[in-house]
Amino acid sequence: TPLSEGEGTGTILLVEDEDGVRELTARTLILQGYQVLVAGNGQEALQVSKGFEGRINLLLTDVVMPLMDGRALVKQLQPQRPDMRVLYMSGYADRPLVRQFMSDPRIAFLAKPFTMEALIAKVQTVLENNG
């Protein structure tokens, strides 16, 4: 459609506890053509996933969140959605868990604050990577 500004296809579950970051990120991804499901925390994300019958191509989740961190969320979601890719994001580069994620090449990680261009590029890379 002429209204679509991006080439993105697929569904992204965005989990971010900061409202402003969540809204801006969701809006950017929607403009790129992705379908975006949003959740404010891990528990909410589990509910959203359970209520969504389609395929979720990517989980874009904050690492450090109240109630349930990103890694715990992934552990619960992956058995239900084994083909879902994961992209972690965090601004807490000083936390051991975040540092571990940043140094592991098998883990897709986006450091906050990020530009919308960096977000889009990383999402495309993770979705296109067949690994």
N, C-alpha and C. Protein backbone atom coordinates (compact mmCIF):
# COMPACT_ATOMS: atom_id res chain seq x y z
N THR A 1 0.84 -1.20 0.00
CA THR A 1 0.00 0.00 0.00
C THR A 1 0.88 1.25 0.00
N PRO A 2 0.41 2.34 -0.60
CA PRO A 2 1.21 3.56 -0.65
C PRO A 2 1.50 4.13 0.74
N LEU A 3 0.64 3.81 1.73
CA LEU A 3 0.83 4.37 3.07
C LEU A 3 1.99 3.73 3.83
N SER A 4 2.34 2.52 3.44
CA SER A 4 3.40 1.82 4.15
C SER A 4 4.75 2.46 3.84
N GLU A 5 5.47 2.85 4.87
CA GLU A 5 6.75 3.52 4.68
C GLU A 5 7.92 2.56 4.73
N GLY A 6 7.66 1.32 5.12
CA GLY A 6 8.77 0.39 5.28
C GLY A 6 8.52 -0.93 4.61
N GLU A 7 9.55 -1.74 4.62
CA GLU A 7 9.49 -3.04 3.97
C GLU A 7 9.31 -4.16 4.99
N GLY A 8 9.18 -3.82 6.24
CA GLY A 8 9.14 -4.83 7.29
C GLY A 8 7.93 -5.73 7.18
N THR A 9 8.17 -7.02 7.36
CA THR A 9 7.06 -7.95 7.43
C THR A 9 7.27 -8.82 8.65
N GLY A 10 6.17 -9.21 9.26
CA GLY A 10 6.27 -10.05 10.43
C GLY A 10 5.68 -9.38 11.65
N THR A 11 5.60 -10.15 12.72
CA THR A 11 5.01 -9.69 13.96
C THR A 11 6.08 -9.64 15.04
N ILE A 12 6.11 -8.51 15.74
CA ILE A 12 7.09 -8.30 16.80
C ILE A 12 6.36 -8.11 18.13
N LEU A 13 6.79 -8.86 19.14
CA LEU A 13 6.29 -8.65 20.49
C LEU A 13 7.30 -7.77 21.21
N LEU A 14 6.89 -6.55 21.52
CA LEU A 14 7.76 -5.56 22.15
C LEU A 14 7.46 -5.51 23.65
N VAL A 15 8.48 -5.76 24.46
CA VAL A 15 8.31 -5.75 25.91
C VAL A 15 9.25 -4.72 26.51
N GLU A 16 8.67 -3.65 27.05
CA GLU A 16 9.46 -2.52 27.56
C GLU A 16 8.66 -1.86 28.67
N ASP A 17 9.29 -1.68 29.85
CA ASP A 17 8.56 -1.12 30.97
C ASP A 17 8.50 0.41 30.98
N GLU A 18 9.33 1.08 30.19
CA GLU A 18 9.28 2.54 30.11
C GLU A 18 8.31 2.95 29.02
N ASP A 19 7.22 3.63 29.41
CA ASP A 19 6.16 3.98 28.47
C ASP A 19 6.65 4.72 27.24
N GLY A 20 7.47 5.75 27.45
CA GLY A 20 7.94 6.58 26.34
C GLY A 20 8.75 5.79 25.33
N VAL A 21 9.65 4.96 25.84
CA VAL A 21 10.50 4.13 24.97
C VAL A 21 9.63 3.13 24.22
N ARG A 22 8.68 2.53 24.94
CA ARG A 22 7.79 1.53 24.32
C ARG A 22 6.97 2.15 23.19
N GLU A 23 6.40 3.33 23.44
CA GLU A 23 5.56 3.98 22.44
C GLU A 23 6.35 4.38 21.20
N LEU A 24 7.51 4.98 21.41
CA LEU A 24 8.33 5.42 20.28
C LEU A 24 8.83 4.23 19.46
N THR A 25 9.26 3.19 20.16
CA THR A 25 9.76 1.98 19.48
C THR A 25 8.64 1.32 18.68
N ALA A 26 7.46 1.20 19.30
CA ALA A 26 6.32 0.58 18.61
C ALA A 26 5.95 1.38 17.37
N ARG A 27 5.87 2.70 17.52
CA ARG A 27 5.49 3.56 16.39
C ARG A 27 6.48 3.41 15.24
N THR A 28 7.76 3.39 15.57
CA THR A 28 8.81 3.25 14.55
C THR A 28 8.67 1.93 13.80
N LEU A 29 8.45 0.85 14.54
CA LEU A 29 8.33 -0.47 13.91
C LEU A 29 7.07 -0.58 13.05
N ILE A 30 5.98 0.02 13.52
CA ILE A 30 4.72 0.01 12.76
C ILE A 30 4.91 0.77 11.44
N LEU A 31 5.59 1.91 11.50
CA LEU A 31 5.87 2.67 10.28
C LEU A 31 6.71 1.88 9.30
N GLN A 32 7.51 0.96 9.82
CA GLN A 32 8.34 0.11 8.96
C GLN A 32 7.54 -1.03 8.34
N GLY A 33 6.30 -1.20 8.79
CA GLY A 33 5.46 -2.23 8.20
C GLY A 33 5.26 -3.46 9.06
N TYR A 34 5.87 -3.48 10.25
CA TYR A 34 5.71 -4.64 11.14
C TYR A 34 4.39 -4.56 11.89
N GLN A 35 3.85 -5.71 12.23
CA GLN A 35 2.74 -5.77 13.18
C GLN A 35 3.38 -5.82 14.56
N VAL A 36 2.94 -4.97 15.47
CA VAL A 36 3.58 -4.88 16.78
C VAL A 36 2.57 -5.17 17.89
N LEU A 37 2.94 -6.11 18.75
CA LEU A 37 2.19 -6.40 19.97
C LEU A 37 3.00 -5.79 21.10
N VAL A 38 2.35 -5.09 22.03
CA VAL A 38 3.11 -4.44 23.08
C VAL A 38 2.75 -4.96 24.46
N ALA A 39 3.76 -4.97 25.34
CA ALA A 39 3.56 -5.36 26.73
C ALA A 39 4.48 -4.51 27.60
N GLY A 40 4.02 -4.19 28.80
CA GLY A 40 4.79 -3.35 29.70
C GLY A 40 5.70 -4.13 30.63
N ASN A 41 5.52 -5.46 30.69
CA ASN A 41 6.39 -6.30 31.52
C ASN A 41 6.28 -7.75 31.05
N GLY A 42 7.08 -8.60 31.68
CA GLY A 42 7.14 -10.00 31.26
C GLY A 42 5.82 -10.74 31.43
N GLN A 43 5.15 -10.51 32.56
CA GLN A 43 3.86 -11.20 32.80
C GLN A 43 2.85 -10.83 31.73
N GLU A 44 2.81 -9.53 31.42
CA GLU A 44 1.89 -9.04 30.38
C GLU A 44 2.24 -9.67 29.03
N ALA A 45 3.54 -9.79 28.76
CA ALA A 45 3.99 -10.38 27.50
C ALA A 45 3.52 -11.82 27.36
N LEU A 46 3.56 -12.58 28.45
CA LEU A 46 3.09 -13.97 28.42
C LEU A 46 1.60 -14.02 28.07
N GLN A 47 0.83 -13.08 28.65
CA GLN A 47 -0.61 -13.01 28.37
C GLN A 47 -0.87 -12.64 26.91
N VAL A 48 -0.12 -11.64 26.42
CA VAL A 48 -0.28 -11.19 25.03
C VAL A 48 0.03 -12.35 24.08
N SER A 49 1.12 -13.07 24.36
CA SER A 49 1.51 -14.19 23.51
C SER A 49 0.44 -15.27 23.51
N LYS A 50 -0.09 -15.55 24.71
CA LYS A 50 -1.11 -16.59 24.84
C LYS A 50 -2.36 -16.23 24.04
N GLY A 51 -2.70 -14.94 24.03
CA GLY A 51 -3.91 -14.48 23.35
C GLY A 51 -3.74 -14.25 21.86
N PHE A 52 -2.52 -14.38 21.35
CA PHE A 52 -2.26 -14.13 19.93
C PHE A 52 -2.03 -15.45 19.22
N GLU A 53 -2.89 -15.76 18.26
CA GLU A 53 -2.81 -17.07 17.61
C GLU A 53 -1.83 -17.12 16.45
N GLY A 54 -1.47 -15.97 15.91
CA GLY A 54 -0.55 -15.95 14.78
C GLY A 54 0.88 -16.22 15.20
N ARG A 55 1.76 -16.12 14.23
CA ARG A 55 3.19 -16.35 14.49
C ARG A 55 3.82 -15.06 15.01
N ILE A 56 4.63 -15.17 16.03
CA ILE A 56 5.43 -14.03 16.49
C ILE A 56 6.85 -14.27 15.99
N ASN A 57 7.31 -13.40 15.10
CA ASN A 57 8.62 -13.59 14.48
C ASN A 57 9.76 -13.15 15.37
N LEU A 58 9.50 -12.11 16.18
CA LEU A 58 10.58 -11.56 17.00
C LEU A 58 10.07 -11.09 18.35
N LEU A 59 10.81 -11.44 19.39
CA LEU A 59 10.58 -10.88 20.72
C LEU A 59 11.65 -9.82 20.92
N LEU A 60 11.22 -8.57 21.05
CA LEU A 60 12.13 -7.45 21.32
C LEU A 60 11.89 -7.06 22.77
N THR A 61 12.81 -7.44 23.65
CA THR A 61 12.56 -7.25 25.08
C THR A 61 13.68 -6.54 25.81
N ASP A 62 13.28 -5.71 26.76
CA ASP A 62 14.22 -5.10 27.68
C ASP A 62 14.81 -6.23 28.53
N VAL A 63 16.05 -6.07 28.97
CA VAL A 63 16.66 -7.09 29.83
C VAL A 63 16.23 -6.87 31.27
N VAL A 64 16.37 -5.63 31.74
CA VAL A 64 16.12 -5.31 33.15
C VAL A 64 14.72 -4.72 33.30
N MET A 65 13.82 -5.50 33.89
CA MET A 65 12.44 -5.05 34.12
C MET A 65 11.98 -5.55 35.48
N PRO A 66 11.00 -4.86 36.07
CA PRO A 66 10.45 -5.36 37.33
C PRO A 66 9.68 -6.67 37.10
N LEU A 67 9.52 -7.45 38.14
CA LEU A 67 8.76 -8.71 38.15
C LEU A 67 9.47 -9.87 37.44
N MET A 68 9.87 -9.66 36.19
CA MET A 68 10.48 -10.75 35.42
C MET A 68 11.45 -10.14 34.43
N ASP A 69 12.72 -10.55 34.47
CA ASP A 69 13.67 -9.96 33.52
C ASP A 69 13.53 -10.60 32.15
N GLY A 70 14.21 -10.02 31.18
CA GLY A 70 14.08 -10.49 29.80
C GLY A 70 14.47 -11.94 29.61
N ARG A 71 15.51 -12.36 30.32
CA ARG A 71 15.97 -13.75 30.16
C ARG A 71 14.93 -14.74 30.69
N ALA A 72 14.32 -14.41 31.83
CA ALA A 72 13.28 -15.28 32.39
C ALA A 72 12.07 -15.35 31.46
N LEU A 73 11.75 -14.23 30.85
CA LEU A 73 10.64 -14.18 29.89
C LEU A 73 10.92 -15.10 28.70
N VAL A 74 12.13 -15.02 28.17
CA VAL A 74 12.51 -15.85 27.02
C VAL A 74 12.41 -17.33 27.39
N LYS A 75 12.87 -17.68 28.59
CA LYS A 75 12.82 -19.09 29.04
C LYS A 75 11.39 -19.61 29.05
N GLN A 76 10.44 -18.74 29.41
CA GLN A 76 9.04 -19.18 29.46
C GLN A 76 8.39 -19.19 28.08
N LEU A 77 8.77 -18.25 27.22
CA LEU A 77 8.13 -18.13 25.91
C LEU A 77 8.68 -19.10 24.87
N GLN A 78 9.98 -19.39 24.93
CA GLN A 78 10.59 -20.17 23.85
C GLN A 78 10.00 -21.56 23.66
N PRO A 79 9.65 -22.29 24.73
CA PRO A 79 9.03 -23.60 24.50
C PRO A 79 7.72 -23.49 23.72
N GLN A 80 6.96 -22.40 23.94
CA GLN A 80 5.69 -22.21 23.25
C GLN A 80 5.89 -21.71 21.82
N ARG A 81 6.98 -20.97 21.61
CA ARG A 81 7.23 -20.37 20.29
C ARG A 81 8.69 -20.60 19.90
N PRO A 82 9.04 -21.85 19.56
CA PRO A 82 10.44 -22.19 19.33
C PRO A 82 11.09 -21.49 18.14
N ASP A 83 10.28 -21.03 17.18
CA ASP A 83 10.87 -20.38 16.00
C ASP A 83 10.96 -18.86 16.14
N MET A 84 10.60 -18.34 17.30
CA MET A 84 10.64 -16.90 17.53
C MET A 84 12.08 -16.44 17.79
N ARG A 85 12.51 -15.41 17.07
CA ARG A 85 13.83 -14.81 17.30
C ARG A 85 13.76 -13.89 18.52
N VAL A 86 14.91 -13.59 19.10
CA VAL A 86 14.95 -12.73 20.29
C VAL A 86 15.99 -11.64 20.09
N LEU A 87 15.59 -10.41 20.40
CA LEU A 87 16.50 -9.27 20.42
C LEU A 87 16.35 -8.58 21.77
N TYR A 88 17.44 -8.59 22.55
CA TYR A 88 17.43 -7.94 23.86
C TYR A 88 17.87 -6.48 23.71
N MET A 89 17.34 -5.62 24.60
CA MET A 89 17.81 -4.23 24.64
C MET A 89 17.96 -3.82 26.10
N SER A 90 18.95 -2.96 26.36
CA SER A 90 19.14 -2.48 27.73
C SER A 90 20.06 -1.28 27.76
N GLY A 91 19.83 -0.44 28.76
CA GLY A 91 20.72 0.68 29.00
C GLY A 91 21.65 0.43 30.18
N TYR A 92 21.50 -0.72 30.82
CA TYR A 92 22.30 -1.02 32.02
C TYR A 92 23.55 -1.80 31.66
N ALA A 93 24.48 -1.14 30.98
CA ALA A 93 25.70 -1.83 30.53
C ALA A 93 26.59 -2.26 31.69
N ASP A 94 26.33 -1.73 32.89
CA ASP A 94 27.16 -2.08 34.04
C ASP A 94 26.65 -3.33 34.77
N ARG A 95 25.49 -3.82 34.43
CA ARG A 95 24.96 -5.02 35.10
C ARG A 95 25.64 -6.27 34.53
N PRO A 96 26.02 -7.21 35.40
CA PRO A 96 26.71 -8.42 34.91
C PRO A 96 25.93 -9.17 33.83
N LEU A 97 24.62 -9.33 34.01
CA LEU A 97 23.82 -10.06 33.02
C LEU A 97 23.85 -9.34 31.68
N VAL A 98 23.73 -8.02 31.72
CA VAL A 98 23.73 -7.24 30.48
C VAL A 98 25.10 -7.32 29.80
N ARG A 99 26.16 -7.23 30.61
CA ARG A 99 27.52 -7.35 30.06
C ARG A 99 27.72 -8.71 29.39
N GLN A 100 27.19 -9.74 30.02
CA GLN A 100 27.29 -11.10 29.48
C GLN A 100 26.58 -11.18 28.12
N PHE A 101 25.41 -10.58 28.03
CA PHE A 101 24.66 -10.56 26.77
C PHE A 101 25.43 -9.81 25.69
N MET A 102 26.04 -8.68 26.07
CA MET A 102 26.75 -7.84 25.11
C MET A 102 27.97 -8.56 24.54
N SER A 103 28.57 -9.43 25.34
CA SER A 103 29.81 -10.08 24.91
C SER A 103 29.58 -11.42 24.22
N ASP A 104 28.33 -11.88 24.18
CA ASP A 104 28.03 -13.16 23.56
C ASP A 104 27.53 -12.93 22.13
N PRO A 105 28.31 -13.33 21.12
CA PRO A 105 27.91 -13.06 19.73
C PRO A 105 26.64 -13.80 19.30
N ARG A 106 26.26 -14.83 20.04
CA ARG A 106 25.04 -15.56 19.68
C ARG A 106 23.78 -14.84 20.13
N ILE A 107 23.96 -13.85 21.01
CA ILE A 107 22.81 -13.12 21.55
C ILE A 107 22.69 -11.78 20.84
N ALA A 108 21.52 -11.52 20.26
CA ALA A 108 21.29 -10.24 19.59
C ALA A 108 20.98 -9.20 20.67
N PHE A 109 21.75 -8.12 20.67
CA PHE A 109 21.63 -7.12 21.73
C PHE A 109 21.71 -5.72 21.15
N LEU A 110 20.85 -4.84 21.66
CA LEU A 110 20.81 -3.45 21.24
C LEU A 110 20.96 -2.58 22.49
N ALA A 111 22.02 -1.77 22.53
CA ALA A 111 22.27 -0.93 23.70
C ALA A 111 21.42 0.33 23.65
N LYS A 112 20.82 0.68 24.79
CA LYS A 112 20.08 1.94 24.91
C LYS A 112 21.04 3.02 25.39
N PRO A 113 20.82 4.27 25.03
CA PRO A 113 19.79 4.70 24.08
C PRO A 113 20.20 4.37 22.66
N PHE A 114 19.23 4.07 21.82
CA PHE A 114 19.54 3.75 20.42
C PHE A 114 18.75 4.68 19.51
N THR A 115 19.28 4.89 18.31
CA THR A 115 18.54 5.67 17.32
C THR A 115 17.51 4.75 16.67
N MET A 116 16.51 5.34 16.07
CA MET A 116 15.50 4.53 15.39
C MET A 116 16.12 3.80 14.20
N GLU A 117 17.11 4.42 13.56
CA GLU A 117 17.81 3.76 12.45
C GLU A 117 18.53 2.51 12.93
N ALA A 118 19.18 2.62 14.09
CA ALA A 118 19.89 1.47 14.65
C ALA A 118 18.91 0.35 15.01
N LEU A 119 17.77 0.74 15.56
CA LEU A 119 16.73 -0.23 15.92
C LEU A 119 16.27 -1.00 14.68
N ILE A 120 15.93 -0.27 13.63
CA ILE A 120 15.42 -0.89 12.41
C ILE A 120 16.46 -1.82 11.80
N ALA A 121 17.71 -1.34 11.74
CA ALA A 121 18.79 -2.15 11.16
C ALA A 121 18.98 -3.44 11.94
N LYS A 122 18.95 -3.34 13.28
CA LYS A 122 19.17 -4.52 14.12
C LYS A 122 18.01 -5.51 13.99
N VAL A 123 16.79 -4.99 13.98
CA VAL A 123 15.61 -5.86 13.82
C VAL A 123 15.69 -6.60 12.49
N GLN A 124 16.02 -5.88 11.42
CA GLN A 124 16.13 -6.52 10.10
C GLN A 124 17.21 -7.60 10.10
N THR A 125 18.35 -7.30 10.72
CA THR A 125 19.45 -8.26 10.78
C THR A 125 19.03 -9.54 11.50
N VAL A 126 18.38 -9.37 12.65
CA VAL A 126 17.97 -10.53 13.45
C VAL A 126 16.93 -11.37 12.71
N LEU A 127 15.99 -10.71 12.05
CA LEU A 127 14.95 -11.43 11.33
C LEU A 127 15.49 -12.13 10.08
N GLU A 128 16.52 -11.55 9.47
CA GLU A 128 17.08 -12.14 8.25
C GLU A 128 18.10 -13.23 8.55
N ASN A 129 18.65 -13.22 9.76
CA ASN A 129 19.69 -14.17 10.12
C ASN A 129 19.08 -15.56 10.30
N ASN A 130 19.58 -16.52 9.55
CA ASN A 130 19.00 -17.87 9.61
C ASN A 130 19.62 -18.74 10.69
N GLY A 131 20.49 -18.15 11.51
CA GLY A 131 21.18 -18.94 12.53
C GLY A 131 20.30 -19.39 13.64
